[in-house]
């Protein structure tokens, strides 16, 4: 029999403070960039309860189902920066179910890119279903309903990437959810080795190193997703990969206020007409894409605890804006809030 454990305190049986797993969890600093946490070594019920709390705090609000197993365990080793979180996760057999339709906050608005290391995972989302085993890779949307099933002990690397980061890099991202990606391709092998190397050093990177590695991780995941399958005749594999090259160049130079069409086309040897045609399917031009990416990075910094002491103007200038009035108008048009309201919303859970 599978038992589901639902969310907050109202669903829990009364228990003493010494038996409540949340009392043990309170000893952890969940705002830390580096986390290393595991379930207690005894008490199956408490272990599953404890595990759900870990998943809630680090990943998403889900239901956890576990067969009565006296040896149930779960552990997470994780490091994050403003761009993403990378985690080495292992646990016993279980089922995971997310019913919620909206993220609780900006921090939960993620894709989970999963590299399986041990065991198998059945993943269902948006009508897609796939099974991944050791060496396989898949991506799903953490904010939308999904079901995961692990029938044995398992281990995987989870890369939590802001949803907008992949949406704006990968064309038709919604078509690639819950689809198995083999890492036997040249790009897949590079991605697998890269992610495993980072996971093996979790907790040892400086904040600056983690930020640089995160950009690289997002880019290599983008390339791996681009190799998943051809889209259609109009957007051939060649065009898709060229568009990725353009987006990667833009993302590497967002802080440059002089970034423009001529700089991109000269660097990549493309015509401005061709570059803008690549963006047509997404309803954008090159410079509209640049604006959206800058606004996204500003939005992330405005709600980041590590950036709380910085002025809004400093954040805007750091991401290539040179006109604060234009920045304010564009930000409100995109996010529905002024930059200052957006920053304040982080504390109120608006997202």
C-alpha atoms as a PDB file:
ATOM      1  CA  UNK A   1       0.000   0.000   0.000  1.00  0.00           C
ATOM      2  CA  UNK A   2       1.226   3.515  -0.853  1.00  0.00           C
ATOM      3  CA  UNK A   3       0.545   6.193   1.729  1.00  0.00           C
ATOM      4  CA  UNK A   4       0.479   9.855   0.641  1.00  0.00           C
ATOM      5  CA  UNK A   5       1.573  12.530   3.055  1.00  0.00           C
ATOM      6  CA  UNK A   6      -0.116  15.857   2.402  1.00  0.00           C
ATOM      7  CA  UNK A   7       1.471  19.231   3.001  1.00  0.00           C
ATOM      8  CA  UNK A   8       1.013  21.316   6.091  1.00  0.00           C
ATOM      9  CA  UNK A   9       0.406  20.715   9.777  1.00  0.00           C
ATOM     10  CA  UNK A  10      -3.351  20.212   9.451  1.00  0.00           C
ATOM     11  CA  UNK A  11      -2.728  16.889   7.684  1.00  0.00           C
ATOM     12  CA  UNK A  12      -0.339  15.488  10.284  1.00  0.00           C
ATOM     13  CA  UNK A  13      -1.153  13.408  13.315  1.00  0.00           C
ATOM     14  CA  UNK A  14      -0.299  15.140  16.586  1.00  0.00           C
ATOM     15  CA  UNK A  15       3.181  14.248  17.747  1.00  0.00           C
ATOM     16  CA  UNK A  16       5.562  15.450  20.371  1.00  0.00           C
ATOM     17  CA  UNK A  17       8.171  18.075  19.596  1.00  0.00           C
ATOM     18  CA  UNK A  18      10.925  15.495  19.966  1.00  0.00           C
ATOM     19  CA  UNK A  19       9.353  13.301  17.270  1.00  0.00           C
ATOM     20  CA  UNK A  20       8.396  16.069  14.868  1.00  0.00           C
ATOM     21  CA  UNK A  21      10.884  15.987  11.956  1.00  0.00           C
ATOM     22  CA  UNK A  22      10.477  19.730  11.527  1.00  0.00           C
ATOM     23  CA  UNK A  23      12.198  20.210  14.871  1.00  0.00           C
ATOM     24  CA  UNK A  24      15.290  18.519  13.452  1.00  0.00           C
ATOM     25  CA  UNK A  25      14.995  20.468  10.214  1.00  0.00           C
ATOM     26  CA  UNK A  26      15.040  23.732  12.127  1.00  0.00           C
ATOM     27  CA  UNK A  27      18.718  23.128  12.824  1.00  0.00           C
ATOM     28  CA  UNK A  28      19.502  23.633   9.138  1.00  0.00           C
ATOM     29  CA  UNK A  29      20.138  27.014   7.528  1.00  0.00           C
ATOM     30  CA  UNK A  30      17.964  26.668   4.433  1.00  0.00           C
ATOM     31  CA  UNK A  31      19.141  30.020   3.039  1.00  0.00           C
ATOM     32  CA  UNK A  32      22.703  28.735   2.826  1.00  0.00           C
ATOM     33  CA  UNK A  33      24.251  28.371  -0.616  1.00  0.00           C
ATOM     34  CA  UNK A  34      25.357  24.841   0.308  1.00  0.00           C
ATOM     35  CA  UNK A  35      23.130  22.166   1.899  1.00  0.00           C
ATOM     36  CA  UNK A  36      23.961  18.612   3.008  1.00  0.00           C
ATOM     37  CA  UNK A  37      21.010  16.893   4.703  1.00  0.00           C
ATOM     38  CA  UNK A  38      19.688  13.353   5.202  1.00  0.00           C
ATOM     39  CA  UNK A  39      16.759  11.621   6.873  1.00  0.00           C
ATOM     40  CA  UNK A  40      17.163  10.112  10.368  1.00  0.00           C
ATOM     41  CA  UNK A  41      18.621   6.614  10.503  1.00  0.00           C
ATOM     42  CA  UNK A  42      15.556   5.075  12.180  1.00  0.00           C
ATOM     43  CA  UNK A  43      11.764   5.385  12.312  1.00  0.00           C
ATOM     44  CA  UNK A  44      10.202   4.808   8.866  1.00  0.00           C
ATOM     45  CA  UNK A  45       7.227   7.140   9.446  1.00  0.00           C
ATOM     46  CA  UNK A  46       9.381   9.976  10.686  1.00  0.00           C
ATOM     47  CA  UNK A  47      11.861   9.415   7.847  1.00  0.00           C
ATOM     48  CA  UNK A  48       9.215   9.817   5.138  1.00  0.00           C
ATOM     49  CA  UNK A  49       7.772  12.850   6.919  1.00  0.00           C
ATOM     50  CA  UNK A  50      11.242  14.324   7.266  1.00  0.00           C
ATOM     51  CA  UNK A  51      11.971  13.627   3.583  1.00  0.00           C
ATOM     52  CA  UNK A  52       8.865  15.463   2.437  1.00  0.00           C
ATOM     53  CA  UNK A  53       9.926  18.506   4.430  1.00  0.00           C
ATOM     54  CA  UNK A  54      13.359  18.434   2.765  1.00  0.00           C
ATOM     55  CA  UNK A  55      11.782  18.277  -0.701  1.00  0.00           C
ATOM     56  CA  UNK A  56       9.377  21.083   0.219  1.00  0.00           C
ATOM     57  CA  UNK A  57      12.181  23.382   1.335  1.00  0.00           C
ATOM     58  CA  UNK A  58      14.645  22.669  -1.469  1.00  0.00           C
ATOM     59  CA  UNK A  59      12.516  21.816  -4.491  1.00  0.00           C
ATOM     60  CA  UNK A  60       8.716  21.980  -4.621  1.00  0.00           C
ATOM     61  CA  UNK A  61       5.485  21.434  -2.701  1.00  0.00           C
ATOM     62  CA  UNK A  62       4.617  17.822  -3.529  1.00  0.00           C
ATOM     63  CA  UNK A  63       2.989  14.755  -2.014  1.00  0.00           C
ATOM     64  CA  UNK A  64       5.335  11.903  -1.163  1.00  0.00           C
ATOM     65  CA  UNK A  65       4.111   8.324  -1.198  1.00  0.00           C
ATOM     66  CA  UNK A  66       6.281   5.488   0.134  1.00  0.00           C
ATOM     67  CA  UNK A  67       5.716   1.800   0.644  1.00  0.00           C
ATOM     68  CA  UNK A  68       6.104   0.898   4.321  1.00  0.00           C
ATOM     69  CA  UNK A  69       9.843   0.418   4.413  1.00  0.00           C
ATOM     70  CA  UNK A  70      11.715   0.336   7.740  1.00  0.00           C
ATOM     71  CA  UNK A  71      14.916   1.142   5.839  1.00  0.00           C
ATOM     72  CA  UNK A  72      13.529   4.202   4.052  1.00  0.00           C
ATOM     73  CA  UNK A  73      16.155   6.895   3.509  1.00  0.00           C
ATOM     74  CA  UNK A  74      16.736  10.076   1.573  1.00  0.00           C
ATOM     75  CA  UNK A  75      19.624  12.497   1.273  1.00  0.00           C
ATOM     76  CA  UNK A  76      20.456  15.659  -0.636  1.00  0.00           C
ATOM     77  CA  UNK A  77      23.731  17.432  -1.211  1.00  0.00           C
ATOM     78  CA  UNK A  78      23.120  20.737  -2.935  1.00  0.00           C
ATOM     79  CA  UNK A  79      24.687  24.067  -3.870  1.00  0.00           C
ATOM     80  CA  UNK A  80      22.979  27.068  -5.418  1.00  0.00           C
ATOM     81  CA  UNK A  81      23.529  30.537  -6.789  1.00  0.00           C
ATOM     82  CA  UNK A  82      21.076  33.070  -8.207  1.00  0.00           C
ATOM     83  CA  UNK A  83      21.036  31.263 -11.562  1.00  0.00           C
ATOM     84  CA  UNK A  84      20.343  27.675 -10.530  1.00  0.00           C
ATOM     85  CA  UNK A  85      20.711  24.925  -7.945  1.00  0.00           C
ATOM     86  CA  UNK A  86      22.525  21.635  -8.583  1.00  0.00           C
ATOM     87  CA  UNK A  87      21.775  18.714  -6.293  1.00  0.00           C
ATOM     88  CA  UNK A  88      22.934  15.144  -5.813  1.00  0.00           C
ATOM     89  CA  UNK A  89      19.823  13.339  -4.569  1.00  0.00           C
ATOM     90  CA  UNK A  90      19.362   9.703  -3.513  1.00  0.00           C
ATOM     91  CA  UNK A  91      16.527   7.895  -1.740  1.00  0.00           C
ATOM     92  CA  UNK A  92      14.498   4.722  -1.384  1.00  0.00           C
ATOM     93  CA  UNK A  93      11.508   3.721  -3.546  1.00  0.00           C
ATOM     94  CA  UNK A  94       8.664   6.249  -3.526  1.00  0.00           C
ATOM     95  CA  UNK A  95       6.027   8.097  -5.555  1.00  0.00           C
ATOM     96  CA  UNK A  96       5.939  11.883  -5.984  1.00  0.00           C
ATOM     97  CA  UNK A  97       2.848  13.810  -7.020  1.00  0.00           C
ATOM     98  CA  UNK A  98       2.454  17.538  -7.602  1.00  0.00           C
ATOM     99  CA  UNK A  99      -1.091  18.827  -7.940  1.00  0.00           C
ATOM    100  CA  UNK A 100      -0.526  22.573  -7.662  1.00  0.00           C
ATOM    101  CA  UNK A 101      -0.905  24.743 -10.746  1.00  0.00           C
ATOM    102  CA  UNK A 102       1.150  27.744  -9.659  1.00  0.00           C
ATOM    103  CA  UNK A 103       4.549  28.187  -7.976  1.00  0.00           C
ATOM    104  CA  UNK A 104       4.514  29.337  -4.357  1.00  0.00           C
ATOM    105  CA  UNK A 105       7.088  32.026  -5.107  1.00  0.00           C
ATOM    106  CA  UNK A 106       9.635  33.253  -7.647  1.00  0.00           C
ATOM    107  CA  UNK A 107      12.108  30.693  -6.283  1.00  0.00           C
ATOM    108  CA  UNK A 108       9.916  27.726  -7.249  1.00  0.00           C
ATOM    109  CA  UNK A 109       9.389  28.795 -10.873  1.00  0.00           C
ATOM    110  CA  UNK A 110      11.831  26.221 -12.251  1.00  0.00           C
ATOM    111  CA  UNK A 111      12.481  23.450 -14.686  1.00  0.00           C
ATOM    112  CA  UNK A 112      14.103  20.372 -13.178  1.00  0.00           C
ATOM    113  CA  UNK A 113      16.737  18.884 -15.480  1.00  0.00           C
ATOM    114  CA  UNK A 114      17.402  15.344 -14.256  1.00  0.00           C
ATOM    115  CA  UNK A 115      20.390  13.117 -14.969  1.00  0.00           C
ATOM    116  CA  UNK A 116      19.749   9.577 -13.706  1.00  0.00           C
ATOM    117  CA  UNK A 117      22.713   7.878 -12.026  1.00  0.00           C
ATOM    118  CA  UNK A 118      21.154   4.815 -10.344  1.00  0.00           C
ATOM    119  CA  UNK A 119      17.757   3.098 -10.498  1.00  0.00           C
ATOM    120  CA  UNK A 120      14.889   4.098 -12.782  1.00  0.00           C
ATOM    121  CA  UNK A 121      12.331   6.888 -12.750  1.00  0.00           C
ATOM    122  CA  UNK A 122       8.931   6.992 -14.402  1.00  0.00           C
ATOM    123  CA  UNK A 123       7.997  10.602 -15.232  1.00  0.00           C
ATOM    124  CA  UNK A 124       4.598  11.871 -16.394  1.00  0.00           C
ATOM    125  CA  UNK A 125       3.636  15.436 -17.309  1.00  0.00           C
ATOM    126  CA  UNK A 126       1.306  17.113 -19.819  1.00  0.00           C
ATOM    127  CA  UNK A 127       0.318  13.785 -21.368  1.00  0.00           C
ATOM    128  CA  UNK A 128       3.934  12.704 -21.875  1.00  0.00           C
ATOM    129  CA  UNK A 129       5.349   9.681 -20.079  1.00  0.00           C
ATOM    130  CA  UNK A 130       8.904   8.419 -20.126  1.00  0.00           C
ATOM    131  CA  UNK A 131      11.113   6.072 -18.145  1.00  0.00           C
ATOM    132  CA  UNK A 132      14.733   7.014 -17.597  1.00  0.00           C
ATOM    133  CA  UNK A 133      17.554   4.848 -16.310  1.00  0.00           C
ATOM    134  CA  UNK A 134      21.234   5.362 -15.529  1.00  0.00           C
ATOM    135  CA  UNK A 135      22.785   7.777 -18.025  1.00  0.00           C
ATOM    136  CA  UNK A 136      19.434   9.115 -19.276  1.00  0.00           C
ATOM    137  CA  UNK A 137      18.328  12.731 -19.013  1.00  0.00           C
ATOM    138  CA  UNK A 138      14.939  14.475 -18.946  1.00  0.00           C
ATOM    139  CA  UNK A 139      13.405  17.841 -18.084  1.00  0.00           C
ATOM    140  CA  UNK A 140      10.069  18.629 -16.460  1.00  0.00           C
ATOM    141  CA  UNK A 141       8.302  21.770 -15.259  1.00  0.00           C
ATOM    142  CA  UNK A 142       8.368  21.949 -11.457  1.00  0.00           C
ATOM    143  CA  UNK A 143       5.442  24.391 -11.349  1.00  0.00           C
ATOM    144  CA  UNK A 144       2.871  22.215 -13.128  1.00  0.00           C
ATOM    145  CA  UNK A 145       1.281  18.893 -12.136  1.00  0.00           C
ATOM    146  CA  UNK A 146       3.564  15.904 -12.554  1.00  0.00           C
ATOM    147  CA  UNK A 147       3.957  12.373 -11.253  1.00  0.00           C
ATOM    148  CA  UNK A 148       7.232  10.584 -10.541  1.00  0.00           C
ATOM    149  CA  UNK A 149       7.649   6.936  -9.565  1.00  0.00           C
ATOM    150  CA  UNK A 150      10.765   5.179  -8.268  1.00  0.00           C
ATOM    151  CA  UNK A 151      10.383   1.431  -7.715  1.00  0.00           C
ATOM    152  CA  UNK A 152      13.833   0.878  -6.156  1.00  0.00           C
ATOM    153  CA  UNK A 153      16.651   2.802  -4.498  1.00  0.00           C
ATOM    154  CA  UNK A 154      17.740   5.594  -6.804  1.00  0.00           C
ATOM    155  CA  UNK A 155      20.193   8.436  -7.270  1.00  0.00           C
ATOM    156  CA  UNK A 156      20.106  11.390  -9.655  1.00  0.00           C
ATOM    157  CA  UNK A 157      21.510  14.835 -10.304  1.00  0.00           C
ATOM    158  CA  UNK A 158      18.822  17.537 -10.356  1.00  0.00           C
ATOM    159  CA  UNK A 159      19.601  20.905 -11.916  1.00  0.00           C
ATOM    160  CA  UNK A 160      16.955  23.480 -10.955  1.00  0.00           C
ATOM    161  CA  UNK A 161      16.931  26.082 -13.737  1.00  0.00           C
ATOM    162  CA  UNK A 162      14.698  29.193 -13.822  1.00  0.00           C
ATOM    163  CA  UNK A 163      11.911  28.379 -16.259  1.00  0.00           C
ATOM    164  CA  UNK A 164      12.415  31.563 -18.262  1.00  0.00           C
ATOM    165  CA  UNK A 165      16.082  30.721 -18.842  1.00  0.00           C
ATOM    166  CA  UNK A 166      15.256  27.589 -20.833  1.00  0.00           C
ATOM    167  CA  UNK A 167      12.077  29.004 -22.402  1.00  0.00           C
ATOM    168  CA  UNK A 168      14.092  31.810 -23.952  1.00  0.00           C
ATOM    169  CA  UNK A 169      16.934  29.540 -25.071  1.00  0.00           C
ATOM    170  CA  UNK A 170      15.090  26.468 -26.352  1.00  0.00           C
ATOM    171  CA  UNK A 171      12.456  26.778 -29.048  1.00  0.00           C
ATOM    172  CA  UNK A 172       9.116  25.103 -28.245  1.00  0.00           C
ATOM    173  CA  UNK A 173      10.320  23.994 -24.837  1.00  0.00           C
ATOM    174  CA  UNK A 174       6.836  22.773 -23.952  1.00  0.00           C
ATOM    175  CA  UNK A 175       7.185  20.019 -26.580  1.00  0.00           C
ATOM    176  CA  UNK A 176      10.291  18.650 -24.882  1.00  0.00           C
ATOM    177  CA  UNK A 177       8.867  18.074 -21.386  1.00  0.00           C
ATOM    178  CA  UNK A 178       9.033  14.550 -19.922  1.00  0.00           C
ATOM    179  CA  UNK A 179      10.918  13.129 -22.902  1.00  0.00           C
ATOM    180  CA  UNK A 180      13.919  10.848 -22.523  1.00  0.00           C
ATOM    181  CA  UNK A 181      17.197  12.266 -23.781  1.00  0.00           C
ATOM    182  CA  UNK A 182      20.051   9.834 -24.343  1.00  0.00           C
ATOM    183  CA  UNK A 183      23.476  11.044 -23.284  1.00  0.00           C
ATOM    184  CA  UNK A 184      25.204   8.787 -25.819  1.00  0.00           C
ATOM    185  CA  UNK A 185      25.503  11.632 -28.337  1.00  0.00           C
ATOM    186  CA  UNK A 186      28.689  13.748 -28.328  1.00  0.00           C
ATOM    187  CA  UNK A 187      26.838  16.687 -26.738  1.00  0.00           C
ATOM    188  CA  UNK A 188      25.074  14.361 -24.308  1.00  0.00           C
ATOM    189  CA  UNK A 189      28.326  12.790 -23.165  1.00  0.00           C
ATOM    190  CA  UNK A 190      29.869  16.198 -22.544  1.00  0.00           C
ATOM    191  CA  UNK A 191      26.796  17.285 -20.561  1.00  0.00           C
ATOM    192  CA  UNK A 192      26.786  14.074 -18.493  1.00  0.00           C
ATOM    193  CA  UNK A 193      30.477  14.358 -17.588  1.00  0.00           C
ATOM    194  CA  UNK A 194      30.146  18.082 -16.877  1.00  0.00           C
ATOM    195  CA  UNK A 195      27.176  17.683 -14.523  1.00  0.00           C
ATOM    196  CA  UNK A 196      28.750  14.719 -12.753  1.00  0.00           C
ATOM    197  CA  UNK A 197      31.970  16.684 -12.256  1.00  0.00           C
ATOM    198  CA  UNK A 198      30.089  19.625 -10.707  1.00  0.00           C
ATOM    199  CA  UNK A 199      28.003  17.314  -8.512  1.00  0.00           C
ATOM    200  CA  UNK A 200      31.171  15.670  -7.238  1.00  0.00           C
ATOM    201  CA  UNK A 201      32.427  19.036  -5.953  1.00  0.00           C
ATOM    202  CA  UNK A 202      29.182  20.352  -4.440  1.00  0.00           C
ATOM    203  CA  UNK A 203      29.855  22.598  -1.462  1.00  0.00           C
ATOM    204  CA  UNK A 204      33.395  23.469  -2.534  1.00  0.00           C
ATOM    205  CA  UNK A 205      32.746  26.223  -5.086  1.00  0.00           C
ATOM    206  CA  UNK A 206      32.895  29.925  -4.295  1.00  0.00           C
ATOM    207  CA  UNK A 207      29.844  32.037  -5.158  1.00  0.00           C
ATOM    208  CA  UNK A 208      31.647  33.486  -8.208  1.00  0.00           C
ATOM    209  CA  UNK A 209      32.711  30.039  -9.399  1.00  0.00           C
ATOM    210  CA  UNK A 210      29.207  28.687  -8.949  1.00  0.00           C
ATOM    211  CA  UNK A 211      27.738  31.558 -10.972  1.00  0.00           C
ATOM    212  CA  UNK A 212      30.128  30.944 -13.880  1.00  0.00           C
ATOM    213  CA  UNK A 213      29.564  27.180 -13.790  1.00  0.00           C
ATOM    214  CA  UNK A 214      25.799  27.746 -13.724  1.00  0.00           C
ATOM    215  CA  UNK A 215      25.884  29.726 -16.961  1.00  0.00           C
ATOM    216  CA  UNK A 216      27.898  26.937 -18.560  1.00  0.00           C
ATOM    217  CA  UNK A 217      25.520  24.273 -17.219  1.00  0.00           C
ATOM    218  CA  UNK A 218      22.476  26.078 -18.614  1.00  0.00           C
ATOM    219  CA  UNK A 219      24.144  26.427 -22.002  1.00  0.00           C
ATOM    220  CA  UNK A 220      25.146  22.780 -22.238  1.00  0.00           C
ATOM    221  CA  UNK A 221      21.671  21.640 -21.149  1.00  0.00           C
ATOM    222  CA  UNK A 222      20.299  23.879 -23.901  1.00  0.00           C
ATOM    223  CA  UNK A 223      22.500  22.150 -26.463  1.00  0.00           C
ATOM    224  CA  UNK A 224      21.446  18.724 -25.224  1.00  0.00           C
ATOM    225  CA  UNK A 225      17.772  19.697 -25.457  1.00  0.00           C
ATOM    226  CA  UNK A 226      18.356  21.035 -28.957  1.00  0.00           C
ATOM    227  CA  UNK A 227      19.506  17.598 -30.063  1.00  0.00           C
ATOM    228  CA  UNK A 228      16.295  15.976 -28.792  1.00  0.00           C
ATOM    229  CA  UNK A 229      14.368  15.915 -32.063  1.00  0.00           C
ATOM    230  CA  UNK A 230      13.864  18.042 -35.179  1.00  0.00           C
ATOM    231  CA  UNK A 231      11.013  20.506 -34.968  1.00  0.00           C
ATOM    232  CA  UNK A 232       9.651  21.008 -38.478  1.00  0.00           C
ATOM    233  CA  UNK A 233      10.754  21.857 -42.019  1.00  0.00           C
ATOM    234  CA  UNK A 234      10.833  25.598 -41.408  1.00  0.00           C
ATOM    235  CA  UNK A 235      12.998  25.243 -38.319  1.00  0.00           C
ATOM    236  CA  UNK A 236      15.527  22.628 -39.279  1.00  0.00           C
ATOM    237  CA  UNK A 237      18.173  21.345 -36.908  1.00  0.00           C
ATOM    238  CA  UNK A 238      20.699  23.691 -38.502  1.00  0.00           C
ATOM    239  CA  UNK A 239      18.526  26.760 -37.876  1.00  0.00           C
ATOM    240  CA  UNK A 240      17.745  25.631 -34.352  1.00  0.00           C
ATOM    241  CA  UNK A 241      21.408  25.248 -33.469  1.00  0.00           C
ATOM    242  CA  UNK A 242      22.216  28.612 -35.074  1.00  0.00           C
ATOM    243  CA  UNK A 243      19.523  30.265 -32.985  1.00  0.00           C
ATOM    244  CA  UNK A 244      21.061  28.666 -29.878  1.00  0.00           C
ATOM    245  CA  UNK A 245      24.458  30.098 -30.834  1.00  0.00           C
ATOM    246  CA  UNK A 246      22.918  33.565 -31.128  1.00  0.00           C
ATOM    247  CA  UNK A 247      21.150  33.238 -27.764  1.00  0.00           C
ATOM    248  CA  UNK A 248      24.305  32.025 -26.049  1.00  0.00           C
ATOM    249  CA  UNK A 249      26.278  34.974 -27.412  1.00  0.00           C
ATOM    250  CA  UNK A 250      23.580  37.371 -26.215  1.00  0.00           C
ATOM    251  CA  UNK A 251      23.498  35.808 -22.747  1.00  0.00           C
ATOM    252  CA  UNK A 252      27.287  36.065 -22.472  1.00  0.00           C
ATOM    253  CA  UNK A 253      27.200  39.795 -23.338  1.00  0.00           C
ATOM    254  CA  UNK A 254      24.006  41.015 -21.634  1.00  0.00           C
ATOM    255  CA  UNK A 255      25.947  43.348 -19.337  1.00  0.00           C
ATOM    256  CA  UNK A 256      27.366  45.274 -22.293  1.00  0.00           C
ATOM    257  CA  UNK A 257      25.137  48.338 -22.824  1.00  0.00           C
ATOM    258  CA  UNK A 258      26.376  48.636 -26.421  1.00  0.00           C
ATOM    259  CA  UNK A 259      25.187  45.135 -27.341  1.00  0.00           C
ATOM    260  CA  UNK A 260      23.296  45.423 -30.616  1.00  0.00           C
ATOM    261  CA  UNK A 261      22.516  43.731 -33.891  1.00  0.00           C
ATOM    262  CA  UNK A 262      25.835  44.631 -35.541  1.00  0.00           C
ATOM    263  CA  UNK A 263      27.883  43.262 -32.640  1.00  0.00           C
ATOM    264  CA  UNK A 264      26.014  39.942 -32.702  1.00  0.00           C
ATOM    265  CA  UNK A 265      26.051  39.503 -36.472  1.00  0.00           C
ATOM    266  CA  UNK A 266      29.736  40.414 -36.812  1.00  0.00           C
ATOM    267  CA  UNK A 267      30.767  38.053 -34.041  1.00  0.00           C
ATOM    268  CA  UNK A 268      28.819  35.116 -35.497  1.00  0.00           C
ATOM    269  CA  UNK A 269      29.226  35.865 -39.203  1.00  0.00           C
ATOM    270  CA  UNK A 270      25.491  36.184 -39.867  1.00  0.00           C
ATOM    271  CA  UNK A 271      23.346  38.812 -41.541  1.00  0.00           C
ATOM    272  CA  UNK A 272      20.948  40.893 -39.453  1.00  0.00           C
ATOM    273  CA  UNK A 273      18.057  39.823 -41.684  1.00  0.00           C
ATOM    274  CA  UNK A 274      18.821  36.138 -41.129  1.00  0.00           C
ATOM    275  CA  UNK A 275      19.184  36.562 -37.371  1.00  0.00           C
ATOM    276  CA  UNK A 276      15.827  38.289 -37.057  1.00  0.00           C
ATOM    277  CA  UNK A 277      14.206  35.594 -39.205  1.00  0.00           C
ATOM    278  CA  UNK A 278      15.462  33.016 -36.716  1.00  0.00           C
ATOM    279  CA  UNK A 279      13.488  34.780 -33.976  1.00  0.00           C
ATOM    280  CA  UNK A 280      10.266  35.169 -35.988  1.00  0.00           C
ATOM    281  CA  UNK A 281       8.812  31.834 -34.849  1.00  0.00           C
ATOM    282  CA  UNK A 282       9.040  33.072 -31.248  1.00  0.00           C
ATOM    283  CA  UNK A 283       7.333  36.365 -32.078  1.00  0.00           C
ATOM    284  CA  UNK A 284      10.485  38.342 -31.341  1.00  0.00           C
ATOM    285  CA  UNK A 285      13.291  40.271 -32.919  1.00  0.00           C
ATOM    286  CA  UNK A 286      16.888  39.986 -31.761  1.00  0.00           C
ATOM    287  CA  UNK A 287      16.711  43.182 -29.702  1.00  0.00           C
ATOM    288  CA  UNK A 288      13.377  42.231 -28.164  1.00  0.00           C
ATOM    289  CA  UNK A 289      15.067  39.032 -27.038  1.00  0.00           C
ATOM    290  CA  UNK A 290      17.943  41.053 -25.571  1.00  0.00           C
ATOM    291  CA  UNK A 291      15.440  43.214 -23.681  1.00  0.00           C
ATOM    292  CA  UNK A 292      13.557  40.191 -22.318  1.00  0.00           C
ATOM    293  CA  UNK A 293      16.732  38.506 -21.106  1.00  0.00           C
ATOM    294  CA  UNK A 294      17.929  41.691 -19.388  1.00  0.00           C
ATOM    295  CA  UNK A 295      14.567  42.112 -17.688  1.00  0.00           C
ATOM    296  CA  UNK A 296      14.658  38.485 -16.574  1.00  0.00           C
ATOM    297  CA  UNK A 297      18.099  38.876 -15.009  1.00  0.00           C
ATOM    298  CA  UNK A 298      17.050  42.102 -13.284  1.00  0.00           C
ATOM    299  CA  UNK A 299      13.922  40.387 -11.949  1.00  0.00           C
ATOM    300  CA  UNK A 300      16.043  37.576 -10.490  1.00  0.00           C
ATOM    301  CA  UNK A 301      18.466  39.989  -8.826  1.00  0.00           C
ATOM    302  CA  UNK A 302      15.668  42.102  -7.364  1.00  0.00           C
ATOM    303  CA  UNK A 303      14.345  39.152  -5.335  1.00  0.00           C
ATOM    304  CA  UNK A 304      17.712  37.596  -4.527  1.00  0.00           C
ATOM    305  CA  UNK A 305      18.708  37.894  -0.845  1.00  0.00           C
ATOM    306  CA  UNK A 306      22.327  38.317  -1.925  1.00  0.00           C
ATOM    307  CA  UNK A 307      21.365  41.450  -3.907  1.00  0.00           C
ATOM    308  CA  UNK A 308      19.085  42.999  -1.275  1.00  0.00           C
ATOM    309  CA  UNK A 309      21.519  45.816  -0.420  1.00  0.00           C
ATOM    310  CA  UNK A 310      21.942  46.936  -4.034  1.00  0.00           C
ATOM    311  CA  UNK A 311      19.950  49.834  -5.432  1.00  0.00           C
ATOM    312  CA  UNK A 312      17.474  49.102  -8.204  1.00  0.00           C
ATOM    313  CA  UNK A 313      19.324  51.495 -10.505  1.00  0.00           C
ATOM    314  CA  UNK A 314      22.615  49.667  -9.904  1.00  0.00           C
ATOM    315  CA  UNK A 315      21.007  46.359 -10.855  1.00  0.00           C
ATOM    316  CA  UNK A 316      19.510  47.865 -14.014  1.00  0.00           C
ATOM    317  CA  UNK A 317      22.813  49.410 -15.098  1.00  0.00           C
ATOM    318  CA  UNK A 318      24.662  46.163 -14.342  1.00  0.00           C
ATOM    319  CA  UNK A 319      22.491  44.336 -16.879  1.00  0.00           C
ATOM    320  CA  UNK A 320      23.010  46.788 -19.722  1.00  0.00           C
ATOM    321  CA  UNK A 321      20.233  49.346 -19.244  1.00  0.00           C
ATOM    322  CA  UNK A 322      21.268  52.986 -19.565  1.00  0.00           C
ATOM    323  CA  UNK A 323      17.847  54.645 -19.297  1.00  0.00           C
ATOM    324  CA  UNK A 324      15.998  54.109 -16.003  1.00  0.00           C
ATOM    325  CA  UNK A 325      12.691  55.430 -17.327  1.00  0.00           C
ATOM    326  CA  UNK A 326      12.774  52.937 -20.182  1.00  0.00           C
ATOM    327  CA  UNK A 327      13.782  50.168 -17.760  1.00  0.00           C
ATOM    328  CA  UNK A 328      10.874  50.958 -15.419  1.00  0.00           C
ATOM    329  CA  UNK A 329       8.294  51.016 -18.230  1.00  0.00           C
ATOM    330  CA  UNK A 330       9.577  47.810 -19.814  1.00  0.00           C
ATOM    331  CA  UNK A 331       9.723  46.021 -16.468  1.00  0.00           C
ATOM    332  CA  UNK A 332       6.125  46.900 -15.568  1.00  0.00           C
ATOM    333  CA  UNK A 333       4.914  45.916 -19.043  1.00  0.00           C
ATOM    334  CA  UNK A 334       6.608  42.513 -18.748  1.00  0.00           C
ATOM    335  CA  UNK A 335       6.021  41.618 -15.094  1.00  0.00           C
ATOM    336  CA  UNK A 336       2.939  43.630 -14.152  1.00  0.00           C
ATOM    337  CA  UNK A 337       4.794  45.368 -11.302  1.00  0.00           C
ATOM    338  CA  UNK A 338       7.256  48.210 -11.031  1.00  0.00           C
ATOM    339  CA  UNK A 339      10.806  47.119 -10.093  1.00  0.00           C
ATOM    340  CA  UNK A 340      10.282  48.288  -6.497  1.00  0.00           C
ATOM    341  CA  UNK A 341       6.929  46.463  -6.220  1.00  0.00           C
ATOM    342  CA  UNK A 342       8.546  43.328  -7.627  1.00  0.00           C
ATOM    343  CA  UNK A 343      11.284  43.498  -5.003  1.00  0.00           C
ATOM    344  CA  UNK A 344       8.692  43.948  -2.247  1.00  0.00           C
ATOM    345  CA  UNK A 345       6.627  41.044  -3.626  1.00  0.00           C
ATOM    346  CA  UNK A 346       9.386  38.592  -2.728  1.00  0.00           C
ATOM    347  CA  UNK A 347       8.519  38.996   0.938  1.00  0.00           C
ATOM    348  CA  UNK A 348       4.790  38.617   0.297  1.00  0.00           C
ATOM    349  CA  UNK A 349       5.022  35.455  -1.776  1.00  0.00           C
ATOM    350  CA  UNK A 350       3.674  37.019  -4.985  1.00  0.00           C
ATOM    351  CA  UNK A 351       4.783  34.999  -7.949  1.00  0.00           C
END
